[in-house]
N, C-alpha and C. Protein backbone atom coordinates (compact mmCIF):
# COMPACT_ATOMS: atom_id res chain seq x y z
N MET A 1 143.50 6.34 -33.14
CA MET A 1 144.33 5.47 -32.32
C MET A 1 143.48 4.42 -31.59
N VAL A 2 142.34 4.84 -31.05
CA VAL A 2 141.46 3.92 -30.35
C VAL A 2 140.95 2.84 -31.30
N ILE A 3 140.55 3.24 -32.50
CA ILE A 3 140.05 2.27 -33.48
C ILE A 3 141.15 1.28 -33.83
N LEU A 4 142.36 1.75 -33.99
CA LEU A 4 143.47 0.88 -34.31
C LEU A 4 143.71 -0.14 -33.20
N SER A 5 143.63 0.28 -31.94
CA SER A 5 143.85 -0.65 -30.83
C SER A 5 142.72 -1.67 -30.74
N LEU A 6 141.49 -1.27 -31.02
CA LEU A 6 140.37 -2.22 -31.04
C LEU A 6 140.56 -3.24 -32.16
N PHE A 7 140.99 -2.77 -33.33
CA PHE A 7 141.22 -3.67 -34.45
C PHE A 7 142.32 -4.67 -34.10
N LYS A 8 143.39 -4.19 -33.47
CA LYS A 8 144.50 -5.06 -33.08
C LYS A 8 144.02 -6.13 -32.10
N ALA A 9 143.20 -5.77 -31.13
CA ALA A 9 142.67 -6.73 -30.16
C ALA A 9 141.85 -7.79 -30.87
N ASN A 10 140.99 -7.38 -31.79
CA ASN A 10 140.17 -8.34 -32.53
C ASN A 10 141.03 -9.27 -33.36
N VAL A 11 142.03 -8.74 -34.02
CA VAL A 11 142.91 -9.55 -34.86
C VAL A 11 143.68 -10.53 -33.99
N THR A 12 144.22 -10.08 -32.88
CA THR A 12 144.98 -10.96 -31.99
C THR A 12 144.13 -12.12 -31.50
N TYR A 13 142.95 -11.83 -31.01
CA TYR A 13 142.09 -12.91 -30.52
C TYR A 13 141.64 -13.80 -31.67
N ALA A 14 141.29 -13.22 -32.81
CA ALA A 14 140.86 -14.01 -33.96
C ALA A 14 141.98 -14.95 -34.40
N GLN A 15 143.21 -14.47 -34.41
CA GLN A 15 144.34 -15.32 -34.77
C GLN A 15 144.50 -16.45 -33.76
N THR A 16 144.31 -16.15 -32.49
CA THR A 16 144.38 -17.18 -31.45
C THR A 16 143.34 -18.26 -31.69
N MET A 17 142.12 -17.84 -31.98
CA MET A 17 141.05 -18.80 -32.21
C MET A 17 141.26 -19.59 -33.50
N ASP A 18 141.79 -18.95 -34.53
CA ASP A 18 142.04 -19.64 -35.79
C ASP A 18 143.06 -20.76 -35.65
N THR A 19 143.98 -20.63 -34.71
CA THR A 19 144.97 -21.70 -34.52
C THR A 19 144.31 -22.98 -34.01
N HIS A 20 143.12 -22.87 -33.44
CA HIS A 20 142.43 -24.04 -32.90
C HIS A 20 141.58 -24.76 -33.94
N LYS A 21 141.17 -24.06 -34.98
CA LYS A 21 140.25 -24.65 -35.96
C LYS A 21 140.86 -25.90 -36.57
N TRP A 22 140.10 -26.99 -36.55
CA TRP A 22 140.47 -28.32 -37.03
C TRP A 22 141.52 -28.99 -36.17
N ASN A 23 141.93 -28.35 -35.08
CA ASN A 23 142.92 -28.95 -34.18
C ASN A 23 142.36 -29.23 -32.80
N ASP A 24 141.52 -28.32 -32.29
CA ASP A 24 141.03 -28.42 -30.92
C ASP A 24 139.54 -28.10 -30.85
N ARG A 25 138.90 -28.71 -29.86
CA ARG A 25 137.54 -28.28 -29.48
C ARG A 25 137.73 -27.28 -28.35
N LEU A 26 136.88 -26.31 -28.28
CA LEU A 26 137.02 -25.28 -27.25
C LEU A 26 135.85 -25.31 -26.29
N ILE A 27 136.16 -25.12 -25.04
CA ILE A 27 135.15 -24.82 -24.03
C ILE A 27 135.40 -23.38 -23.62
N LEU A 28 134.40 -22.56 -23.77
CA LEU A 28 134.48 -21.16 -23.36
C LEU A 28 133.63 -20.99 -22.11
N ILE A 29 134.25 -20.60 -21.03
CA ILE A 29 133.54 -20.33 -19.78
C ILE A 29 133.37 -18.82 -19.71
N LEU A 30 132.17 -18.36 -19.93
CA LEU A 30 131.87 -16.93 -19.92
C LEU A 30 131.30 -16.56 -18.56
N ILE A 31 131.98 -15.66 -17.87
CA ILE A 31 131.55 -15.26 -16.53
C ILE A 31 131.50 -13.74 -16.45
N ASP A 32 130.59 -13.24 -15.63
CA ASP A 32 130.52 -11.80 -15.43
C ASP A 32 131.63 -11.32 -14.51
N GLN A 33 132.06 -12.22 -13.60
CA GLN A 33 133.14 -11.91 -12.66
C GLN A 33 133.70 -13.22 -12.10
N GLU A 34 134.92 -13.19 -11.62
CA GLU A 34 135.55 -14.41 -11.09
C GLU A 34 134.83 -14.96 -9.87
N ALA A 35 134.11 -14.13 -9.16
CA ALA A 35 133.39 -14.56 -7.97
C ALA A 35 132.06 -15.25 -8.32
N ASN A 36 131.79 -15.48 -9.58
CA ASN A 36 130.55 -16.16 -9.99
C ASN A 36 130.43 -17.50 -9.26
N GLU A 37 129.25 -17.78 -8.74
CA GLU A 37 129.05 -18.98 -7.92
C GLU A 37 129.26 -20.29 -8.67
N ASN A 38 129.10 -20.31 -9.98
CA ASN A 38 129.28 -21.54 -10.76
C ASN A 38 130.70 -21.73 -11.29
N TYR A 39 131.49 -20.68 -11.25
CA TYR A 39 132.81 -20.71 -11.88
C TYR A 39 133.74 -21.75 -11.25
N ASN A 40 134.00 -21.67 -9.97
CA ASN A 40 134.91 -22.62 -9.33
C ASN A 40 134.40 -24.05 -9.35
N PRO A 41 133.11 -24.30 -9.11
CA PRO A 41 132.63 -25.68 -9.25
C PRO A 41 132.81 -26.23 -10.67
N GLN A 42 132.65 -25.38 -11.68
CA GLN A 42 132.88 -25.84 -13.05
C GLN A 42 134.35 -26.18 -13.28
N LEU A 43 135.24 -25.34 -12.77
CA LEU A 43 136.66 -25.63 -12.89
C LEU A 43 137.03 -26.93 -12.19
N THR A 44 136.47 -27.14 -11.00
CA THR A 44 136.72 -28.38 -10.26
C THR A 44 136.27 -29.58 -11.07
N GLU A 45 135.11 -29.49 -11.70
CA GLU A 45 134.59 -30.58 -12.54
C GLU A 45 135.56 -30.87 -13.68
N PHE A 46 136.04 -29.86 -14.35
CA PHE A 46 136.97 -30.07 -15.45
C PHE A 46 138.30 -30.65 -14.96
N LYS A 47 138.80 -30.16 -13.84
CA LYS A 47 140.08 -30.64 -13.31
C LYS A 47 140.03 -32.12 -12.94
N LYS A 48 138.86 -32.62 -12.56
CA LYS A 48 138.70 -34.04 -12.23
C LYS A 48 138.79 -34.92 -13.47
N HIS A 49 138.63 -34.32 -14.65
CA HIS A 49 138.54 -35.11 -15.88
C HIS A 49 139.54 -34.63 -16.94
N ILE A 50 140.72 -34.26 -16.48
CA ILE A 50 141.76 -33.74 -17.39
C ILE A 50 142.06 -34.75 -18.50
N LYS A 51 142.22 -36.01 -18.15
CA LYS A 51 142.58 -37.03 -19.14
C LYS A 51 141.54 -37.09 -20.26
N GLY A 52 140.27 -37.09 -19.90
CA GLY A 52 139.21 -37.13 -20.89
C GLY A 52 139.17 -35.89 -21.75
N LEU A 53 139.47 -34.73 -21.17
CA LEU A 53 139.52 -33.49 -21.94
C LEU A 53 140.66 -33.53 -22.94
N ILE A 54 141.81 -34.01 -22.51
CA ILE A 54 142.98 -34.10 -23.40
C ILE A 54 142.69 -35.08 -24.54
N GLU A 55 142.13 -36.25 -24.21
CA GLU A 55 141.80 -37.25 -25.23
C GLU A 55 140.88 -36.69 -26.30
N ARG A 56 140.01 -35.80 -25.90
CA ARG A 56 139.03 -35.22 -26.84
C ARG A 56 139.49 -33.88 -27.42
N LYS A 57 140.74 -33.53 -27.18
CA LYS A 57 141.34 -32.31 -27.72
C LYS A 57 140.55 -31.07 -27.32
N VAL A 58 140.25 -30.97 -26.03
CA VAL A 58 139.49 -29.82 -25.52
C VAL A 58 140.46 -28.80 -24.90
N VAL A 59 140.32 -27.56 -25.34
CA VAL A 59 141.08 -26.44 -24.79
C VAL A 59 140.08 -25.52 -24.11
N ILE A 60 140.39 -25.11 -22.90
CA ILE A 60 139.45 -24.31 -22.11
C ILE A 60 139.91 -22.85 -22.07
N TYR A 61 138.95 -21.97 -22.35
CA TYR A 61 139.17 -20.53 -22.23
C TYR A 61 138.21 -19.98 -21.18
N HIS A 62 138.72 -19.11 -20.33
CA HIS A 62 137.92 -18.39 -19.34
C HIS A 62 137.77 -16.98 -19.92
N ILE A 63 136.55 -16.51 -19.99
CA ILE A 63 136.32 -15.20 -20.61
C ILE A 63 135.41 -14.38 -19.71
N LYS A 64 135.89 -13.19 -19.36
CA LYS A 64 135.07 -12.24 -18.60
C LYS A 64 134.99 -10.95 -19.42
N PRO A 65 134.17 -10.00 -19.04
CA PRO A 65 133.92 -8.83 -19.89
C PRO A 65 135.16 -8.08 -20.38
N ASP A 66 136.25 -8.10 -19.62
CA ASP A 66 137.40 -7.31 -20.02
C ASP A 66 138.69 -8.11 -20.22
N ALA A 67 138.62 -9.46 -20.15
CA ALA A 67 139.84 -10.25 -20.25
C ALA A 67 139.52 -11.72 -20.52
N PHE A 68 140.56 -12.46 -20.93
CA PHE A 68 140.42 -13.91 -21.09
C PHE A 68 141.74 -14.57 -20.73
N LYS A 69 141.67 -15.88 -20.45
CA LYS A 69 142.87 -16.68 -20.23
C LYS A 69 142.58 -18.09 -20.73
N LYS A 70 143.64 -18.83 -20.97
CA LYS A 70 143.55 -20.17 -21.54
C LYS A 70 144.09 -21.19 -20.54
N GLY A 71 143.42 -22.34 -20.44
CA GLY A 71 143.89 -23.43 -19.60
C GLY A 71 143.24 -23.46 -18.23
N LEU A 72 143.46 -24.55 -17.52
CA LEU A 72 142.84 -24.70 -16.20
C LEU A 72 143.69 -24.15 -15.06
N ASN A 73 144.98 -24.02 -15.27
CA ASN A 73 145.85 -23.58 -14.18
C ASN A 73 146.48 -22.22 -14.44
N ASN A 74 146.11 -21.58 -15.51
CA ASN A 74 146.67 -20.28 -15.87
C ASN A 74 146.04 -19.19 -15.00
N THR A 75 146.86 -18.32 -14.45
CA THR A 75 146.35 -17.21 -13.65
C THR A 75 146.55 -15.87 -14.35
N ASN A 76 147.09 -15.90 -15.56
CA ASN A 76 147.43 -14.69 -16.29
C ASN A 76 146.30 -14.28 -17.24
N TRP A 77 145.50 -13.32 -16.81
CA TRP A 77 144.42 -12.80 -17.64
C TRP A 77 145.00 -11.84 -18.67
N GLN A 78 144.58 -11.96 -19.91
CA GLN A 78 144.97 -11.04 -20.98
C GLN A 78 143.83 -10.06 -21.20
N GLN A 79 144.15 -8.79 -21.19
CA GLN A 79 143.12 -7.76 -21.37
C GLN A 79 142.55 -7.83 -22.77
N GLU A 80 141.22 -7.91 -22.87
CA GLU A 80 140.54 -8.01 -24.16
C GLU A 80 139.06 -7.77 -23.90
N LYS A 81 138.46 -6.82 -24.57
CA LYS A 81 137.07 -6.47 -24.27
C LYS A 81 136.07 -6.92 -25.32
N THR A 82 136.51 -7.45 -26.45
CA THR A 82 135.56 -7.80 -27.51
C THR A 82 135.15 -9.27 -27.49
N VAL A 83 135.97 -10.13 -26.90
CA VAL A 83 135.70 -11.57 -26.91
C VAL A 83 134.39 -11.89 -26.19
N TYR A 84 134.23 -11.34 -25.02
CA TYR A 84 133.03 -11.59 -24.21
C TYR A 84 131.78 -11.18 -24.99
N LYS A 85 131.81 -10.00 -25.56
CA LYS A 85 130.64 -9.51 -26.32
C LYS A 85 130.34 -10.39 -27.52
N PHE A 86 131.38 -10.92 -28.16
CA PHE A 86 131.19 -11.75 -29.35
C PHE A 86 130.48 -13.06 -29.01
N TYR A 87 130.89 -13.71 -27.92
CA TYR A 87 130.34 -15.03 -27.58
C TYR A 87 129.14 -14.99 -26.64
N LYS A 88 129.01 -13.96 -25.85
CA LYS A 88 127.93 -13.89 -24.86
C LYS A 88 126.59 -13.69 -25.55
N LYS A 89 125.67 -14.65 -25.36
CA LYS A 89 124.37 -14.59 -26.04
C LYS A 89 123.19 -14.54 -25.07
N THR A 90 123.45 -14.66 -23.78
CA THR A 90 122.36 -14.60 -22.80
C THR A 90 122.66 -13.49 -21.78
N ASP A 91 121.69 -13.21 -20.95
CA ASP A 91 121.88 -12.24 -19.86
C ASP A 91 122.36 -12.91 -18.58
N GLU A 92 122.54 -14.22 -18.62
CA GLU A 92 122.97 -14.96 -17.44
C GLU A 92 124.43 -14.65 -17.11
N PRO A 93 124.80 -14.65 -15.83
CA PRO A 93 126.17 -14.32 -15.43
C PRO A 93 127.18 -15.45 -15.69
N PHE A 94 126.68 -16.64 -16.07
CA PHE A 94 127.53 -17.81 -16.32
C PHE A 94 127.03 -18.49 -17.58
N GLU A 95 127.95 -18.78 -18.47
CA GLU A 95 127.57 -19.44 -19.71
C GLU A 95 128.73 -20.32 -20.18
N ILE A 96 128.39 -21.52 -20.63
CA ILE A 96 129.38 -22.45 -21.18
C ILE A 96 129.09 -22.61 -22.66
N VAL A 97 130.13 -22.52 -23.48
CA VAL A 97 129.99 -22.69 -24.92
C VAL A 97 130.99 -23.75 -25.37
N LEU A 98 130.51 -24.74 -26.13
CA LEU A 98 131.37 -25.74 -26.74
C LEU A 98 131.50 -25.40 -28.21
N VAL A 99 132.73 -25.22 -28.66
CA VAL A 99 133.02 -24.92 -30.06
C VAL A 99 133.69 -26.15 -30.65
N GLY A 100 133.15 -26.65 -31.74
CA GLY A 100 133.69 -27.86 -32.38
C GLY A 100 134.95 -27.60 -33.18
N LEU A 101 135.52 -28.67 -33.70
CA LEU A 101 136.73 -28.56 -34.51
C LEU A 101 136.54 -27.65 -35.72
N ASP A 102 135.31 -27.60 -36.23
CA ASP A 102 135.02 -26.77 -37.41
C ASP A 102 134.81 -25.30 -37.06
N GLY A 103 134.87 -24.97 -35.78
CA GLY A 103 134.72 -23.58 -35.34
C GLY A 103 133.29 -23.16 -35.06
N SER A 104 132.34 -24.08 -35.19
CA SER A 104 130.94 -23.71 -34.93
C SER A 104 130.54 -24.09 -33.50
N VAL A 105 129.57 -23.37 -32.99
CA VAL A 105 129.07 -23.61 -31.63
C VAL A 105 128.22 -24.88 -31.64
N LYS A 106 128.58 -25.82 -30.77
CA LYS A 106 127.89 -27.10 -30.66
C LYS A 106 126.97 -27.17 -29.45
N LEU A 107 127.25 -26.36 -28.44
CA LEU A 107 126.46 -26.35 -27.21
C LEU A 107 126.61 -25.00 -26.55
N ARG A 108 125.52 -24.55 -25.98
CA ARG A 108 125.52 -23.32 -25.18
C ARG A 108 124.56 -23.58 -24.03
N GLN A 109 125.04 -23.37 -22.80
CA GLN A 109 124.16 -23.52 -21.64
C GLN A 109 124.58 -22.59 -20.52
N THR A 110 123.67 -22.36 -19.58
CA THR A 110 123.91 -21.41 -18.50
C THR A 110 124.00 -22.07 -17.13
N GLU A 111 124.32 -23.34 -17.14
CA GLU A 111 124.51 -24.06 -15.87
C GLU A 111 125.78 -24.88 -15.97
N ILE A 112 126.24 -25.38 -14.86
CA ILE A 112 127.46 -26.18 -14.83
C ILE A 112 127.31 -27.37 -15.78
N LEU A 113 128.37 -27.63 -16.53
CA LEU A 113 128.37 -28.72 -17.50
C LEU A 113 129.16 -29.90 -16.94
N PRO A 114 128.46 -30.97 -16.57
CA PRO A 114 129.19 -32.16 -16.11
C PRO A 114 129.99 -32.77 -17.26
N CYS A 115 131.18 -33.25 -16.97
CA CYS A 115 132.02 -33.83 -18.02
C CYS A 115 131.36 -35.05 -18.65
N LYS A 116 130.58 -35.78 -17.89
CA LYS A 116 129.86 -36.93 -18.46
C LYS A 116 128.99 -36.46 -19.64
N ASN A 117 128.29 -35.37 -19.47
CA ASN A 117 127.45 -34.82 -20.54
C ASN A 117 128.31 -34.28 -21.68
N LEU A 118 129.37 -33.55 -21.33
CA LEU A 118 130.27 -33.00 -22.34
C LEU A 118 130.85 -34.11 -23.20
N PHE A 119 131.36 -35.16 -22.56
CA PHE A 119 131.98 -36.25 -23.30
C PHE A 119 130.97 -36.98 -24.18
N SER A 120 129.76 -37.11 -23.70
CA SER A 120 128.71 -37.75 -24.49
C SER A 120 128.42 -36.94 -25.77
N ILE A 121 128.36 -35.63 -25.62
CA ILE A 121 128.12 -34.75 -26.78
C ILE A 121 129.28 -34.86 -27.77
N ILE A 122 130.49 -34.74 -27.26
CA ILE A 122 131.67 -34.80 -28.14
C ILE A 122 131.78 -36.16 -28.80
N ASP A 123 131.58 -37.22 -28.03
CA ASP A 123 131.74 -38.57 -28.57
C ASP A 123 130.71 -38.91 -29.64
N SER A 124 129.60 -38.17 -29.68
CA SER A 124 128.58 -38.42 -30.71
C SER A 124 128.84 -37.62 -31.99
N MET A 125 129.83 -36.75 -31.97
CA MET A 125 130.14 -35.93 -33.14
C MET A 125 130.86 -36.76 -34.21
N PRO A 126 130.55 -36.52 -35.47
CA PRO A 126 131.19 -37.29 -36.55
C PRO A 126 132.73 -37.22 -36.54
N MET A 127 133.28 -36.06 -36.28
CA MET A 127 134.75 -35.94 -36.27
C MET A 127 135.36 -36.76 -35.13
N ARG A 128 134.70 -36.81 -34.00
CA ARG A 128 135.21 -37.61 -32.87
C ARG A 128 135.13 -39.09 -33.21
N ARG A 129 134.04 -39.52 -33.83
CA ARG A 129 133.93 -40.92 -34.23
C ARG A 129 135.02 -41.28 -35.24
N TYR A 130 135.31 -40.36 -36.15
CA TYR A 130 136.39 -40.55 -37.11
C TYR A 130 137.72 -40.68 -36.40
N GLU A 131 137.98 -39.82 -35.42
CA GLU A 131 139.21 -39.89 -34.65
C GLU A 131 139.35 -41.24 -33.96
N GLU A 132 138.27 -41.72 -33.39
CA GLU A 132 138.29 -43.01 -32.69
C GLU A 132 138.54 -44.16 -33.65
N ASN A 133 138.00 -44.10 -34.85
CA ASN A 133 138.18 -45.15 -35.83
C ASN A 133 139.60 -45.20 -36.37
N LYS A 134 140.31 -44.07 -36.32
CA LYS A 134 141.69 -44.01 -36.81
C LYS A 134 142.66 -44.65 -35.84
N LYS A 135 142.27 -44.85 -34.60
CA LYS A 135 143.17 -45.41 -33.58
C LYS A 135 143.48 -46.87 -33.86
């Protein structure tokens, strides 16, 4: 029964992530706890630049060891214990991961990510340049 529930959690999250492939870029905010000193300043930075995030098709996920949630204003954490382990690659309590449209990791860092830097990285990507040329 335990194995079945773990499999179901993995499938559910994997299906969620698959819906984003080729549609959205993802920012994953990995935190050890909500009280992390960088967490709220990072959210404030993103909230100041909502228009730019939307233009670049960025979807934000908050991920902690036992749960995740989507969006900047969502307060509903979904229980899930495998997501954090899958994406967490450092021992730091705060980590930002940028996942491109193709589903691959484009950036990983352990400090607050200014939107100016984020937008510069995204705007230099071939798919983003293609999107801009289609306008």
